[in-house]
C-alpha atoms as a PDB file:
ATOM      1  CA  MET A   1      -2.851  42.119  70.340  1.00  0.00           C
ATOM      2  CA  ILE A   2      -2.664  39.024  68.234  1.00  0.00           C
ATOM      3  CA  TRP A   3      -5.005  40.615  65.659  1.00  0.00           C
ATOM      4  CA  TYR A   4      -2.750  43.647  65.396  1.00  0.00           C
ATOM      5  CA  SER A   5       0.368  41.401  64.951  1.00  0.00           C
ATOM      6  CA  ILE A   6      -1.460  39.437  62.097  1.00  0.00           C
ATOM      7  CA  ILE A   7      -2.352  42.747  60.347  1.00  0.00           C
ATOM      8  CA  ILE A   8       1.233  43.917  60.505  1.00  0.00           C
ATOM      9  CA  ILE A   9       2.706  40.682  59.287  1.00  0.00           C
ATOM     10  CA  GLN A  10       0.124  40.703  56.442  1.00  0.00           C
ATOM     11  CA  ASN A  11       0.859  44.159  55.341  1.00  0.00           C
ATOM     12  CA  THR A  12       4.657  43.588  55.592  1.00  0.00           C
ATOM     13  CA  PHE A  13       4.126  40.430  53.253  1.00  0.00           C
ATOM     14  CA  LEU A  14       2.058  42.377  50.886  1.00  0.00           C
ATOM     15  CA  ILE A  15       4.322  45.293  50.605  1.00  0.00           C
ATOM     16  CA  LYS A  16       7.309  43.213  50.127  1.00  0.00           C
ATOM     17  CA  TYR A  17       5.871  40.767  47.320  1.00  0.00           C
ATOM     18  CA  LYS A  18       3.602  43.411  45.474  1.00  0.00           C
ATOM     19  CA  GLN A  19       7.049  44.841  44.446  1.00  0.00           C
ATOM     20  CA  LYS A  20       7.942  41.567  42.790  1.00  0.00           C
ATOM     21  CA  TYR A  21       5.011  39.928  41.785  1.00  0.00           C
ATOM     22  CA  ASN A  22       1.394  40.815  40.492  1.00  0.00           C
ATOM     23  CA  LEU A  23      -0.928  39.097  43.184  1.00  0.00           C
ATOM     24  CA  ILE A  24      -3.675  37.027  41.753  1.00  0.00           C
ATOM     25  CA  PRO A  25      -6.164  35.397  44.216  1.00  0.00           C
ATOM     26  CA  ILE A  26      -6.772  31.775  43.170  1.00  0.00           C
ATOM     27  CA  GLY A  27      -9.197  29.279  44.968  1.00  0.00           C
ATOM     28  CA  HIS A  28     -12.152  26.969  44.602  1.00  0.00           C
ATOM     29  CA  GLY A  29     -15.216  29.425  45.390  1.00  0.00           C
ATOM     30  CA  ILE A  30     -12.616  32.093  45.756  1.00  0.00           C
ATOM     31  CA  LYS A  31     -15.358  34.994  45.899  1.00  0.00           C
ATOM     32  CA  PHE A  32     -16.459  33.728  49.262  1.00  0.00           C
ATOM     33  CA  ASP A  33     -12.793  33.885  50.603  1.00  0.00           C
ATOM     34  CA  ILE A  34     -12.350  37.430  49.200  1.00  0.00           C
ATOM     35  CA  ASN A  35     -15.501  38.463  50.994  1.00  0.00           C
ATOM     36  CA  PHE A  36     -14.504  37.014  54.013  1.00  0.00           C
ATOM     37  CA  ILE A  37     -11.139  38.510  54.016  1.00  0.00           C
ATOM     38  CA  GLN A  38     -12.543  42.126  53.332  1.00  0.00           C
ATOM     39  CA  ARG A  39     -15.284  41.753  55.942  1.00  0.00           C
ATOM     40  CA  SER A  40     -13.291  40.403  58.628  1.00  0.00           C
ATOM     41  CA  GLY A  41     -10.967  43.365  58.419  1.00  0.00           C
ATOM     42  CA  LEU A  42      -7.876  41.184  57.436  1.00  0.00           C
ATOM     43  CA  LEU A  43      -7.650  42.975  54.183  1.00  0.00           C
ATOM     44  CA  PRO A  44     -10.264  45.850  53.831  1.00  0.00           C
ATOM     45  CA  THR A  45     -11.462  46.666  50.127  1.00  0.00           C
ATOM     46  CA  LYS A  46      -9.107  49.736  49.924  1.00  0.00           C
ATOM     47  CA  GLN A  47      -6.111  47.543  50.697  1.00  0.00           C
ATOM     48  CA  TYR A  48      -7.283  44.721  48.625  1.00  0.00           C
ATOM     49  CA  GLU A  49      -7.385  46.934  45.583  1.00  0.00           C
ATOM     50  CA  GLN A  50      -4.024  48.477  46.366  1.00  0.00           C
ATOM     51  CA  PHE A  51      -2.317  44.966  46.473  1.00  0.00           C
ATOM     52  CA  ILE A  52      -4.459  42.824  44.220  1.00  0.00           C
ATOM     53  CA  GLY A  53      -4.122  43.881  40.601  1.00  0.00           C
ATOM     54  CA  PHE A  54      -6.127  41.130  38.851  1.00  0.00           C
ATOM     55  CA  ASN A  55      -9.272  39.332  38.808  1.00  0.00           C
ATOM     56  CA  ALA A  56      -9.278  36.245  40.891  1.00  0.00           C
ATOM     57  CA  ILE A  57      -9.001  32.688  39.218  1.00  0.00           C
ATOM     58  CA  ASP A  58     -11.779  30.450  40.401  1.00  0.00           C
ATOM     59  CA  THR A  59     -11.372  26.718  39.939  1.00  0.00           C
ATOM     60  CA  ILE A  60     -15.093  26.044  40.100  1.00  0.00           C
ATOM     61  CA  SER A  61     -15.493  28.225  36.991  1.00  0.00           C
ATOM     62  CA  ILE A  62     -12.691  26.281  35.257  1.00  0.00           C
ATOM     63  CA  ALA A  63     -14.425  22.986  36.479  1.00  0.00           C
ATOM     64  CA  GLN A  64     -17.841  24.046  35.112  1.00  0.00           C
ATOM     65  CA  PHE A  65     -16.222  25.005  31.852  1.00  0.00           C
ATOM     66  CA  LEU A  66     -14.364  21.716  31.585  1.00  0.00           C
ATOM     67  CA  LYS A  67     -17.849  19.767  32.414  1.00  0.00           C
ATOM     68  CA  LEU A  68     -19.431  21.732  29.561  1.00  0.00           C
ATOM     69  CA  SER A  69     -16.537  20.889  27.081  1.00  0.00           C
ATOM     70  CA  ASN A  70     -17.002  17.286  27.969  1.00  0.00           C
ATOM     71  CA  LYS A  71     -13.536  17.157  29.599  1.00  0.00           C
ATOM     72  CA  ILE A  72     -15.150  16.198  33.017  1.00  0.00           C
ATOM     73  CA  PRO A  73     -18.161  13.868  32.970  1.00  0.00           C
ATOM     74  CA  GLU A  74     -21.303  15.656  33.234  1.00  0.00           C
ATOM     75  CA  TYR A  75     -22.366  13.609  36.446  1.00  0.00           C
ATOM     76  CA  GLN A  76     -19.300  14.611  38.316  1.00  0.00           C
ATOM     77  CA  SER A  77     -19.834  16.900  41.275  1.00  0.00           C
ATOM     78  CA  ILE A  78     -17.342  20.095  41.116  1.00  0.00           C
ATOM     79  CA  SER A  79     -17.015  20.557  44.728  1.00  0.00           C
ATOM     80  CA  LEU A  80     -13.315  20.561  45.865  1.00  0.00           C
ATOM     81  CA  VAL A  81     -13.534  17.338  47.778  1.00  0.00           C
ATOM     82  CA  ASN A  82     -15.383  15.590  44.922  1.00  0.00           C
ATOM     83  CA  LEU A  83     -12.914  16.897  42.217  1.00  0.00           C
ATOM     84  CA  THR A  84      -9.893  15.939  44.164  1.00  0.00           C
ATOM     85  CA  ASN A  85     -11.380  12.406  44.622  1.00  0.00           C
ATOM     86  CA  TYR A  86     -12.158  12.103  40.970  1.00  0.00           C
ATOM     87  CA  PHE A  87      -8.452  13.082  39.981  1.00  0.00           C
ATOM     88  CA  GLY A  88      -7.099  10.887  42.854  1.00  0.00           C
ATOM     89  CA  ASN A  89      -5.264  13.624  44.721  1.00  0.00           C
ATOM     90  CA  VAL A  90      -6.961  12.839  48.088  1.00  0.00           C
ATOM     91  CA  LYS A  91      -4.770  13.305  51.025  1.00  0.00           C
ATOM     92  CA  ASN A  92      -5.973  13.277  54.635  1.00  0.00           C
ATOM     93  CA  ASN A  93      -9.665  13.545  54.671  1.00  0.00           C
ATOM     94  CA  LYS A  94      -9.771  14.845  58.293  1.00  0.00           C
ATOM     95  CA  LEU A  95      -8.131  17.851  56.977  1.00  0.00           C
ATOM     96  CA  GLU A  96     -10.733  18.729  54.574  1.00  0.00           C
ATOM     97  CA  HIS A  97     -11.901  22.348  54.761  1.00  0.00           C
ATOM     98  CA  THR A  98      -8.687  23.480  56.347  1.00  0.00           C
ATOM     99  CA  CYS A  99      -6.703  26.296  54.752  1.00  0.00           C
ATOM    100  CA  GLU A 100      -3.799  24.216  54.156  1.00  0.00           C
ATOM    101  CA  TYR A 101      -5.833  21.266  52.703  1.00  0.00           C
ATOM    102  CA  ASP A 102      -7.911  23.577  50.497  1.00  0.00           C
ATOM    103  CA  THR A 103      -4.812  25.425  49.202  1.00  0.00           C
ATOM    104  CA  GLU A 104      -3.103  22.111  48.465  1.00  0.00           C
ATOM    105  CA  MET A 105      -6.133  20.586  46.769  1.00  0.00           C
ATOM    106  CA  THR A 106      -6.719  23.673  44.763  1.00  0.00           C
ATOM    107  CA  ILE A 107      -3.152  23.510  43.498  1.00  0.00           C
ATOM    108  CA  ALA A 108      -3.518  19.880  42.615  1.00  0.00           C
ATOM    109  CA  LEU A 109      -6.692  20.911  40.744  1.00  0.00           C
ATOM    110  CA  LEU A 110      -5.148  23.541  38.756  1.00  0.00           C
ATOM    111  CA  LYS A 111      -2.337  21.165  37.720  1.00  0.00           C
ATOM    112  CA  GLU A 112      -5.111  18.632  36.465  1.00  0.00           C
ATOM    113  CA  PHE A 113      -6.872  21.227  34.800  1.00  0.00           C
ATOM    114  CA  LEU A 114      -3.724  22.296  33.032  1.00  0.00           C
ATOM    115  CA  ASN A 115      -3.117  18.617  31.832  1.00  0.00           C
ATOM    116  CA  ILE A 116      -6.580  18.367  30.533  1.00  0.00           C
ATOM    117  CA  ILE A 117      -6.266  21.604  28.446  1.00  0.00           C
ATOM    118  CA  LYS A 118      -2.942  20.622  27.015  1.00  0.00           C
END
């Protein structure tokens, strides 16, 4: 019953916001997340293609590009935790690898990347 409720809430959200916004998945290693969401049934491929109209933005790819451009030191690990430490955006380390933490840190990384590019 809980699973069914989650799917109804998720579909309601997607239908409501698809009308206003083009949904773009953003994440650190986002391909893994997209595959998980599709395989788990939360958003099967058919629905994914219906609601998500753009390619995903992967902060790992951006970080790798910035390393190759010498904007991030060559020795710097590009894992989410290590990059957030590098930029000084560390919060509660006990929350690492939770949805909320990863989302907040990915947003912080995108802001740091924008500052580097400007």
